[in-house]
Structures are given as structure tokens and as C-alpha cells.
N, C-alpha and C. Protein backbone atom coordinates (compact mmCIF):
# COMPACT_ATOMS: atom_id res chain seq x y z
N MET A 1 46.14 147.82 127.67
CA MET A 1 45.92 147.13 126.38
C MET A 1 46.08 145.69 126.45
N TYR A 2 47.02 145.09 127.13
CA TYR A 2 47.05 143.71 127.32
C TYR A 2 45.89 143.18 128.11
N VAL A 3 45.25 143.86 129.02
CA VAL A 3 44.11 143.47 129.76
C VAL A 3 42.84 143.31 128.79
N LEU A 4 42.87 144.01 127.57
CA LEU A 4 41.94 143.86 126.76
C LEU A 4 41.84 142.56 125.97
N VAL A 5 42.96 141.92 125.86
CA VAL A 5 43.27 140.79 125.16
C VAL A 5 43.12 139.39 126.23
N ILE A 6 43.13 139.70 127.31
CA ILE A 6 42.84 138.56 128.19
C ILE A 6 41.59 137.82 127.89
N PRO A 7 40.51 138.40 127.89
CA PRO A 7 39.14 137.67 127.40
C PRO A 7 39.25 136.89 126.10
N LEU A 8 39.94 137.68 125.26
CA LEU A 8 40.11 136.93 123.81
C LEU A 8 40.92 135.62 124.09
N GLY A 9 41.93 135.66 124.95
CA GLY A 9 42.61 134.49 125.08
C GLY A 9 42.08 133.36 125.93
N ALA A 10 41.20 133.90 126.66
CA ALA A 10 40.32 132.93 127.78
C ALA A 10 39.05 132.21 126.96
N TYR A 11 38.71 132.95 126.05
CA TYR A 11 37.55 132.22 125.37
C TYR A 11 37.71 131.71 123.88
N SER A 12 39.18 131.94 123.57
CA SER A 12 39.38 131.46 122.24
C SER A 12 39.90 129.98 122.19
N LYS A 13 39.88 129.41 121.22
CA LYS A 13 40.38 128.10 121.13
C LYS A 13 42.06 128.20 121.16
N VAL A 14 42.69 127.11 121.63
CA VAL A 14 44.16 127.13 121.81
C VAL A 14 45.06 127.39 120.64
N ASP A 15 44.41 126.58 119.32
CA ASP A 15 45.17 126.74 118.13
C ASP A 15 45.22 128.28 117.68
N LEU A 16 44.14 129.08 117.88
CA LEU A 16 44.17 130.34 117.40
C LEU A 16 45.03 131.33 118.24
N VAL A 17 45.08 131.05 119.60
CA VAL A 17 45.94 131.77 120.63
C VAL A 17 47.29 131.64 120.20
N TRP A 18 47.81 130.30 119.98
CA TRP A 18 49.23 130.02 119.51
C TRP A 18 49.46 130.62 117.99
N LEU A 19 48.48 130.55 117.11
CA LEU A 19 48.63 131.29 116.09
C LEU A 19 48.84 132.72 116.02
N LEU A 20 47.93 133.36 116.90
CA LEU A 20 48.25 134.71 117.11
C LEU A 20 49.72 135.11 117.71
N SER A 21 49.94 134.15 118.76
CA SER A 21 51.35 134.41 119.43
C SER A 21 52.46 134.32 118.39
N ASN A 22 52.56 133.31 117.53
CA ASN A 22 53.46 133.18 116.44
C ASN A 22 53.57 134.37 115.49
N ILE A 23 52.29 134.71 115.08
CA ILE A 23 52.39 136.02 114.37
C ILE A 23 52.82 137.22 114.91
N PHE A 24 52.70 137.38 116.20
CA PHE A 24 53.11 138.67 116.86
C PHE A 24 54.66 138.45 117.03
N ASN A 25 55.29 137.32 117.45
CA ASN A 25 56.46 137.10 117.52
C ASN A 25 57.19 137.28 116.23
N ALA A 26 56.63 136.97 114.99
CA ALA A 26 57.22 137.20 113.58
C ALA A 26 57.36 138.66 113.38
N CYS A 27 56.08 139.32 113.89
CA CYS A 27 56.20 140.71 113.61
C CYS A 27 57.10 141.48 114.48
N MET A 28 57.67 141.11 115.68
CA MET A 28 58.77 141.40 116.39
C MET A 28 60.04 141.13 115.65
N ALA A 29 60.10 139.81 115.08
CA ALA A 29 61.54 139.57 114.55
C ALA A 29 61.88 140.16 113.17
N PHE A 30 60.75 140.27 112.59
CA PHE A 30 61.02 140.81 111.08
C PHE A 30 61.89 142.03 111.09
N PRO A 31 61.58 143.22 111.79
CA PRO A 31 62.44 144.33 111.89
C PRO A 31 64.06 144.26 112.27
N ASN A 32 64.23 143.18 113.12
CA ASN A 32 65.37 143.06 113.56
C ASN A 32 66.21 142.23 112.56
N LEU A 33 65.54 141.39 111.75
CA LEU A 33 66.23 140.72 110.60
C LEU A 33 66.61 141.68 109.51
N VAL A 34 65.77 142.48 109.30
CA VAL A 34 65.97 143.66 108.22
C VAL A 34 66.96 144.55 108.77
N GLY A 35 67.07 144.77 109.82
CA GLY A 35 68.25 145.62 110.42
C GLY A 35 69.64 144.73 110.17
N ILE A 36 69.56 143.66 110.71
CA ILE A 36 70.82 142.73 110.59
C ILE A 36 71.31 142.71 109.07
N LEU A 37 70.25 142.43 108.27
CA LEU A 37 70.76 142.46 106.70
C LEU A 37 71.30 143.79 106.13
N LEU A 38 70.70 144.82 106.76
CA LEU A 38 70.96 146.25 106.25
C LEU A 38 72.66 146.55 106.95
N LEU A 39 72.75 146.16 107.99
CA LEU A 39 73.98 146.39 108.59
C LEU A 39 75.09 145.54 108.64
N SER A 40 74.94 144.42 108.06
CA SER A 40 75.84 143.54 107.68
C SER A 40 77.03 143.79 106.86
N PRO A 41 76.83 144.49 105.63
CA PRO A 41 78.05 145.17 105.10
C PRO A 41 79.02 146.00 106.07
N VAL A 42 78.26 146.74 106.87
CA VAL A 42 78.98 147.91 107.66
C VAL A 42 79.88 147.02 108.63
N VAL A 43 79.32 146.02 109.29
CA VAL A 43 80.02 145.21 110.20
C VAL A 43 81.23 144.44 109.57
N TYR A 44 80.92 143.94 108.37
CA TYR A 44 81.97 143.27 107.68
C TYR A 44 83.24 144.17 107.54
N ARG A 45 82.79 145.31 106.90
CA ARG A 45 83.88 146.28 106.72
C ARG A 45 84.57 146.71 107.89
N LEU A 46 83.93 146.98 109.02
CA LEU A 46 84.57 147.27 110.31
C LEU A 46 85.40 146.10 110.82
N ALA A 47 84.86 144.83 110.72
CA ALA A 47 85.77 143.69 111.27
C ALA A 47 86.94 143.53 110.33
N LYS A 48 86.80 143.63 109.08
CA LYS A 48 87.89 143.40 108.04
C LYS A 48 89.06 144.49 108.51
N ASP A 49 88.74 145.75 108.64
CA ASP A 49 89.60 146.84 109.20
C ASP A 49 90.26 146.51 110.40
N TYR A 50 89.43 146.17 111.33
CA TYR A 50 89.97 145.92 112.70
C TYR A 50 91.03 144.72 112.63
N PHE A 51 90.65 143.57 112.01
CA PHE A 51 91.54 142.56 111.97
C PHE A 51 92.94 142.59 110.85
N SER A 52 92.78 143.53 110.16
CA SER A 52 93.87 143.88 109.21
C SER A 52 94.99 144.56 109.88
N ARG A 53 94.81 145.37 111.06
CA ARG A 53 95.59 146.08 111.78
C ARG A 53 96.69 145.12 112.42
N GLU A 54 97.76 145.83 112.61
CA GLU A 54 98.85 145.11 113.46
C GLU A 54 98.77 145.42 114.90
N HIS A 55 98.60 144.29 115.72
CA HIS A 55 98.27 144.63 117.20
C HIS A 55 99.68 144.62 117.78
N LYS A 56 99.97 145.22 118.88
CA LYS A 56 101.04 145.27 119.54
C LYS A 56 100.97 143.94 120.65
N PRO A 57 102.00 143.04 120.86
CA PRO A 57 101.94 142.12 121.63
C PRO A 57 101.86 142.85 123.30
N VAL A 58 101.00 142.18 124.05
CA VAL A 58 100.74 142.40 125.55
C VAL A 58 101.97 142.30 126.11
N GLN A 59 102.78 143.20 126.92
CA GLN A 59 104.02 142.96 127.63
C GLN A 59 103.50 142.54 129.06
N LYS A 60 104.18 141.32 129.58
CA LYS A 60 103.92 140.78 130.80
C LYS A 60 104.48 141.67 131.90
N LYS A 61 103.79 142.04 132.98
CA LYS A 61 104.47 142.61 134.03
C LYS A 61 104.74 141.80 135.10
N ALA A 62 105.75 141.89 135.87
CA ALA A 62 106.01 141.25 137.02
C ALA A 62 105.17 141.27 138.18
N PRO A 63 104.76 140.41 138.85
CA PRO A 63 103.69 140.46 140.08
C PRO A 63 103.77 141.77 140.76
N ILE A 64 102.69 142.16 141.31
CA ILE A 64 102.86 143.38 142.23
C ILE A 64 103.80 143.28 143.43
N SER A 65 104.01 142.14 143.94
CA SER A 65 104.72 141.98 145.15
C SER A 65 106.32 142.20 144.63
N ARG A 66 106.69 141.80 143.60
CA ARG A 66 108.10 141.79 143.06
C ARG A 66 108.42 143.42 142.75
N ARG A 67 107.36 143.90 142.19
CA ARG A 67 107.72 145.31 141.82
C ARG A 67 107.72 146.29 143.09
N PHE A 68 106.75 146.05 144.07
CA PHE A 68 106.85 146.65 145.18
C PHE A 68 108.29 146.46 146.00
N TRP A 69 108.63 145.35 146.15
CA TRP A 69 110.06 145.20 146.71
C TRP A 69 111.11 145.73 146.01
N LYS A 70 111.14 145.69 144.47
CA LYS A 70 112.01 146.39 144.00
C LYS A 70 112.03 147.95 144.10
N MET A 71 110.91 148.56 144.13
CA MET A 71 110.71 149.83 144.25
C MET A 71 111.44 150.40 145.82
N THR A 72 110.99 149.43 146.79
CA THR A 72 111.45 149.84 148.18
C THR A 72 112.82 149.64 148.44
N ALA A 73 113.61 148.78 147.51
CA ALA A 73 114.88 148.40 147.78
C ALA A 73 115.79 149.68 147.15
N GLU A 74 115.17 150.39 146.33
CA GLU A 74 116.08 151.54 145.71
C GLU A 74 116.05 152.65 146.51
């Protein structure tokens, strides 16, 4: 299909080619923008739920070498 458009691009004016490329880019971006707008309430609700939870602090462990020597000493 793209092969059929090559002669059109070769024999057309540059302004027309850029106009068509901008139109096709807009046609690709439009469904993505609609999807983002439709999903934004869901993402907001999930993010609000996630950040409202109380997270446990990460416990720091001793380096592996210290734990290894401690295990072998017992």
C-alpha cells in the first residue's frame, strides 16, 4: 500500500505532502487523546487509592558478607 503512495509523493508539491503527513499524524493521535481522556478518571481513582494506603518502610539488611560470616560463625 505504501508503494502506491510513493509516486504521489514524488510528483506532488512539497506543501501537499507535508499537509497529508500532518493530517495522517493527527488521525493517529486523535484516538490516543480520546483514550487518555476516557481513562483519566480511572487512573486518578487508582492513583488516589494507591497513595492513600499506608506503606511499610523498607528494612535495611546488613551486607551479604556480614550475614554470611554471621551464619558461618554459629
